[in-house]
Amino acid sequence: MPLPLFLTMLALVIGTAGATLALAFWAKVPLVALGFAALAGSLLLGMRQWR
């Protein structure tokens, strides 16, 4: 993978994560709920790969 593409993808992922956190804080979503949602998504993806 070329370096400019990798850096662009990395910047987009970091920007998207920041936008998600900013939107969650703006909507007054509890951080615990956001953590549980991330954990559930991680578990679902892990189970999908394991199967």
PDB file of N, CA and C in Angstrom:
ATOM      1  N   MET A   1       0.854  -1.173   0.000  1.00  0.00           N
ATOM      2  CA  MET A   1       0.000   0.000   0.000  1.00  0.00           C
ATOM      3  C   MET A   1       0.901   1.238   0.000  1.00  0.00           C
ATOM      4  N   PRO A   2       0.671   2.151  -0.930  1.00  0.00           N
ATOM      5  CA  PRO A   2       1.486   3.366  -0.986  1.00  0.00           C
ATOM      6  C   PRO A   2       1.302   4.224   0.273  1.00  0.00           C
ATOM      7  N   LEU A   3       2.362   4.898   0.661  1.00  0.00           N
ATOM      8  CA  LEU A   3       2.351   5.703   1.871  1.00  0.00           C
ATOM      9  C   LEU A   3       1.273   6.798   1.860  1.00  0.00           C
ATOM     10  N   PRO A   4       1.078   7.558   0.764  1.00  0.00           N
ATOM     11  CA  PRO A   4       0.030   8.587   0.798  1.00  0.00           C
ATOM     12  C   PRO A   4      -1.374   8.015   1.033  1.00  0.00           C
ATOM     13  N   LEU A   5      -1.648   6.850   0.451  1.00  0.00           N
ATOM     14  CA  LEU A   5      -2.950   6.221   0.661  1.00  0.00           C
ATOM     15  C   LEU A   5      -3.102   5.797   2.115  1.00  0.00           C
ATOM     16  N   PHE A   6      -2.051   5.214   2.683  1.00  0.00           N
ATOM     17  CA  PHE A   6      -2.089   4.792   4.084  1.00  0.00           C
ATOM     18  C   PHE A   6      -2.313   5.986   5.002  1.00  0.00           C
ATOM     19  N   LEU A   7      -1.596   7.063   4.773  1.00  0.00           N
ATOM     20  CA  LEU A   7      -1.739   8.245   5.630  1.00  0.00           C
ATOM     21  C   LEU A   7      -3.121   8.879   5.479  1.00  0.00           C
ATOM     22  N   THR A   8      -3.666   8.866   4.275  1.00  0.00           N
ATOM     23  CA  THR A   8      -5.011   9.389   4.055  1.00  0.00           C
ATOM     24  C   THR A   8      -6.046   8.551   4.794  1.00  0.00           C
ATOM     25  N   MET A   9      -5.902   7.229   4.700  1.00  0.00           N
ATOM     26  CA  MET A   9      -6.839   6.355   5.399  1.00  0.00           C
ATOM     27  C   MET A   9      -6.727   6.541   6.910  1.00  0.00           C
ATOM     28  N   LEU A  10      -5.518   6.675   7.413  1.00  0.00           N
ATOM     29  CA  LEU A  10      -5.303   6.889   8.838  1.00  0.00           C
ATOM     30  C   LEU A  10      -5.935   8.199   9.295  1.00  0.00           C
ATOM     31  N   ALA A  11      -5.751   9.248   8.518  1.00  0.00           N
ATOM     32  CA  ALA A  11      -6.345  10.543   8.855  1.00  0.00           C
ATOM     33  C   ALA A  11      -7.873  10.467   8.836  1.00  0.00           C
ATOM     34  N   LEU A  12      -8.437   9.751   7.870  1.00  0.00           N
ATOM     35  CA  LEU A  12      -9.892   9.617   7.802  1.00  0.00           C
ATOM     36  C   LEU A  12     -10.447   8.835   8.995  1.00  0.00           C
ATOM     37  N   VAL A  13      -9.749   7.794   9.404  1.00  0.00           N
ATOM     38  CA  VAL A  13     -10.206   7.008  10.555  1.00  0.00           C
ATOM     39  C   VAL A  13     -10.148   7.844  11.828  1.00  0.00           C
ATOM     40  N   ILE A  14      -9.062   8.571  12.021  1.00  0.00           N
ATOM     41  CA  ILE A  14      -8.937   9.418  13.208  1.00  0.00           C
ATOM     42  C   ILE A  14      -9.971  10.538  13.180  1.00  0.00           C
ATOM     43  N   GLY A  15     -10.194  11.126  12.021  1.00  0.00           N
ATOM     44  CA  GLY A  15     -11.201  12.182  11.898  1.00  0.00           C
ATOM     45  C   GLY A  15     -12.609  11.671  12.152  1.00  0.00           C
ATOM     46  N   THR A  16     -12.911  10.495  11.649  1.00  0.00           N
ATOM     47  CA  THR A  16     -14.231   9.905  11.867  1.00  0.00           C
ATOM     48  C   THR A  16     -14.443   9.574  13.337  1.00  0.00           C
ATOM     49  N   ALA A  17     -13.420   9.054  13.988  1.00  0.00           N
ATOM     50  CA  ALA A  17     -13.525   8.756  15.424  1.00  0.00           C
ATOM     51  C   ALA A  17     -13.743  10.045  16.220  1.00  0.00           C
ATOM     52  N   GLY A  18     -13.039  11.087  15.862  1.00  0.00           N
ATOM     53  CA  GLY A  18     -13.224  12.372  16.531  1.00  0.00           C
ATOM     54  C   GLY A  18     -14.612  12.946  16.309  1.00  0.00           C
ATOM     55  N   ALA A  19     -15.108  12.830  15.082  1.00  0.00           N
ATOM     56  CA  ALA A  19     -16.455  13.315  14.788  1.00  0.00           C
ATOM     57  C   ALA A  19     -17.510  12.515  15.548  1.00  0.00           C
ATOM     58  N   THR A  20     -17.297  11.214  15.668  1.00  0.00           N
ATOM     59  CA  THR A  20     -18.227  10.370  16.411  1.00  0.00           C
ATOM     60  C   THR A  20     -18.259  10.771  17.881  1.00  0.00           C
ATOM     61  N   LEU A  21     -17.087  10.974  18.469  1.00  0.00           N
ATOM     62  CA  LEU A  21     -17.031  11.397  19.874  1.00  0.00           C
ATOM     63  C   LEU A  21     -17.652  12.780  20.064  1.00  0.00           C
ATOM     64  N   ALA A  22     -17.368  13.703  19.145  1.00  0.00           N
ATOM     65  CA  ALA A  22     -17.934  15.045  19.251  1.00  0.00           C
ATOM     66  C   ALA A  22     -19.460  15.005  19.152  1.00  0.00           C
ATOM     67  N   LEU A  23     -19.976  14.211  18.233  1.00  0.00           N
ATOM     68  CA  LEU A  23     -21.424  14.094  18.087  1.00  0.00           C
ATOM     69  C   LEU A  23     -22.046  13.454  19.321  1.00  0.00           C
ATOM     70  N   ALA A  24     -21.382  12.445  19.883  1.00  0.00           N
ATOM     71  CA  ALA A  24     -21.895  11.789  21.083  1.00  0.00           C
ATOM     72  C   ALA A  24     -21.911  12.754  22.269  1.00  0.00           C
ATOM     73  N   PHE A  25     -20.854  13.549  22.416  1.00  0.00           N
ATOM     74  CA  PHE A  25     -20.823  14.521  23.508  1.00  0.00           C
ATOM     75  C   PHE A  25     -21.875  15.613  23.296  1.00  0.00           C
ATOM     76  N   TRP A  26     -22.071  16.021  22.037  1.00  0.00           N
ATOM     77  CA  TRP A  26     -23.057  17.053  21.738  1.00  0.00           C
ATOM     78  C   TRP A  26     -24.475  16.545  22.033  1.00  0.00           C
ATOM     79  N   ALA A  27     -24.721  15.266  21.756  1.00  0.00           N
ATOM     80  CA  ALA A  27     -26.038  14.681  21.989  1.00  0.00           C
ATOM     81  C   ALA A  27     -26.208  14.217  23.436  1.00  0.00           C
ATOM     82  N   LYS A  28     -25.173  14.439  24.256  1.00  0.00           N
ATOM     83  CA  LYS A  28     -25.193  14.071  25.679  1.00  0.00           C
ATOM     84  C   LYS A  28     -25.387  12.573  25.886  1.00  0.00           C
ATOM     85  N   VAL A  29     -24.746  11.779  25.028  1.00  0.00           N
ATOM     86  CA  VAL A  29     -24.757  10.330  25.186  1.00  0.00           C
ATOM     87  C   VAL A  29     -23.745   9.990  26.275  1.00  0.00           C
ATOM     88  N   PRO A  30     -24.136   9.195  27.265  1.00  0.00           N
ATOM     89  CA  PRO A  30     -23.175   8.830  28.307  1.00  0.00           C
ATOM     90  C   PRO A  30     -21.986   8.054  27.719  1.00  0.00           C
ATOM     91  N   LEU A  31     -20.822   8.327  28.243  1.00  0.00           N
ATOM     92  CA  LEU A  31     -19.618   7.681  27.739  1.00  0.00           C
ATOM     93  C   LEU A  31     -19.664   6.171  27.961  1.00  0.00           C
ATOM     94  N   VAL A  32     -20.333   5.748  29.026  1.00  0.00           N
ATOM     95  CA  VAL A  32     -20.465   4.311  29.292  1.00  0.00           C
ATOM     96  C   VAL A  32     -21.279   3.643  28.180  1.00  0.00           C
ATOM     97  N   ALA A  33     -22.345   4.295  27.718  1.00  0.00           N
ATOM     98  CA  ALA A  33     -23.155   3.734  26.637  1.00  0.00           C
ATOM     99  C   ALA A  33     -22.338   3.626  25.349  1.00  0.00           C
ATOM    100  N   LEU A  34     -21.510   4.620  25.091  1.00  0.00           N
ATOM    101  CA  LEU A  34     -20.652   4.587  23.910  1.00  0.00           C
ATOM    102  C   LEU A  34     -19.638   3.447  24.021  1.00  0.00           C
ATOM    103  N   GLY A  35     -19.119   3.248  25.221  1.00  0.00           N
ATOM    104  CA  GLY A  35     -18.185   2.154  25.449  1.00  0.00           C
ATOM    105  C   GLY A  35     -18.836   0.794  25.264  1.00  0.00           C
ATOM    106  N   PHE A  36     -20.057   0.642  25.782  1.00  0.00           N
ATOM    107  CA  PHE A  36     -20.770  -0.626  25.603  1.00  0.00           C
ATOM    108  C   PHE A  36     -21.078  -0.885  24.133  1.00  0.00           C
ATOM    109  N   ALA A  37     -21.419   0.152  23.390  1.00  0.00           N
ATOM    110  CA  ALA A  37     -21.690  -0.014  21.964  1.00  0.00           C
ATOM    111  C   ALA A  37     -20.422  -0.449  21.228  1.00  0.00           C
ATOM    112  N   ALA A  38     -19.284   0.142  21.570  1.00  0.00           N
ATOM    113  CA  ALA A  38     -18.024  -0.243  20.949  1.00  0.00           C
ATOM    114  C   ALA A  38     -17.657  -1.680  21.317  1.00  0.00           C
ATOM    115  N   LEU A  39     -17.871  -2.049  22.568  1.00  0.00           N
ATOM    116  CA  LEU A  39     -17.578  -3.413  23.004  1.00  0.00           C
ATOM    117  C   LEU A  39     -18.471  -4.424  22.291  1.00  0.00           C
ATOM    118  N   ALA A  40     -19.755  -4.107  22.163  1.00  0.00           N
ATOM    119  CA  ALA A  40     -20.674  -5.007  21.475  1.00  0.00           C
ATOM    120  C   ALA A  40     -20.282  -5.173  20.011  1.00  0.00           C
ATOM    121  N   GLY A  41     -19.931  -4.084  19.367  1.00  0.00           N
ATOM    122  CA  GLY A  41     -19.500  -4.170  17.974  1.00  0.00           C
ATOM    123  C   GLY A  41     -18.236  -4.992  17.815  1.00  0.00           C
ATOM    124  N   SER A  42     -17.306  -4.811  18.735  1.00  0.00           N
ATOM    125  CA  SER A  42     -16.066  -5.577  18.694  1.00  0.00           C
ATOM    126  C   SER A  42     -16.334  -7.066  18.902  1.00  0.00           C
ATOM    127  N   LEU A  43     -17.218  -7.388  19.832  1.00  0.00           N
ATOM    128  CA  LEU A  43     -17.547  -8.794  20.075  1.00  0.00           C
ATOM    129  C   LEU A  43     -18.240  -9.417  18.872  1.00  0.00           C
ATOM    130  N   LEU A  44     -19.147  -8.668  18.252  1.00  0.00           N
ATOM    131  CA  LEU A  44     -19.839  -9.197  17.072  1.00  0.00           C
ATOM    132  C   LEU A  44     -18.868  -9.455  15.924  1.00  0.00           C
ATOM    133  N   LEU A  45     -17.953  -8.521  15.697  1.00  0.00           N
ATOM    134  CA  LEU A  45     -16.973  -8.730  14.624  1.00  0.00           C
ATOM    135  C   LEU A  45     -16.038  -9.879  14.959  1.00  0.00           C
ATOM    136  N   GLY A  46     -15.666 -10.021  16.227  1.00  0.00           N
ATOM    137  CA  GLY A  46     -14.808 -11.129  16.629  1.00  0.00           C
ATOM    138  C   GLY A  46     -15.493 -12.465  16.448  1.00  0.00           C
ATOM    139  N   MET A  47     -16.762 -12.534  16.806  1.00  0.00           N
ATOM    140  CA  MET A  47     -17.504 -13.776  16.640  1.00  0.00           C
ATOM    141  C   MET A  47     -17.662 -14.114  15.159  1.00  0.00           C
ATOM    142  N   ARG A  48     -17.821 -13.097  14.341  1.00  0.00           N
ATOM    143  CA  ARG A  48     -17.984 -13.316  12.905  1.00  0.00           C
ATOM    144  C   ARG A  48     -16.719 -13.892  12.288  1.00  0.00           C
ATOM    145  N   GLN A  49     -15.557 -13.416  12.737  1.00  0.00           N
ATOM    146  CA  GLN A  49     -14.294 -13.912  12.207  1.00  0.00           C
ATOM    147  C   GLN A  49     -13.982 -15.304  12.760  1.00  0.00           C
ATOM    148  N   TRP A  50     -14.418 -15.580  13.977  1.00  0.00           N
ATOM    149  CA  TRP A  50     -14.133 -16.846  14.611  1.00  0.00           C
ATOM    150  C   TRP A  50     -14.907 -17.974  13.956  1.00  0.00           C
ATOM    151  N   ARG A  51     -16.090 -17.661  13.503  1.00  0.00           N
ATOM    152  CA  ARG A  51     -16.980 -18.643  12.904  1.00  0.00           C
ATOM    153  C   ARG A  51     -16.527 -19.057  11.578  1.00  0.00           C
TER     154      ARG A  51
END
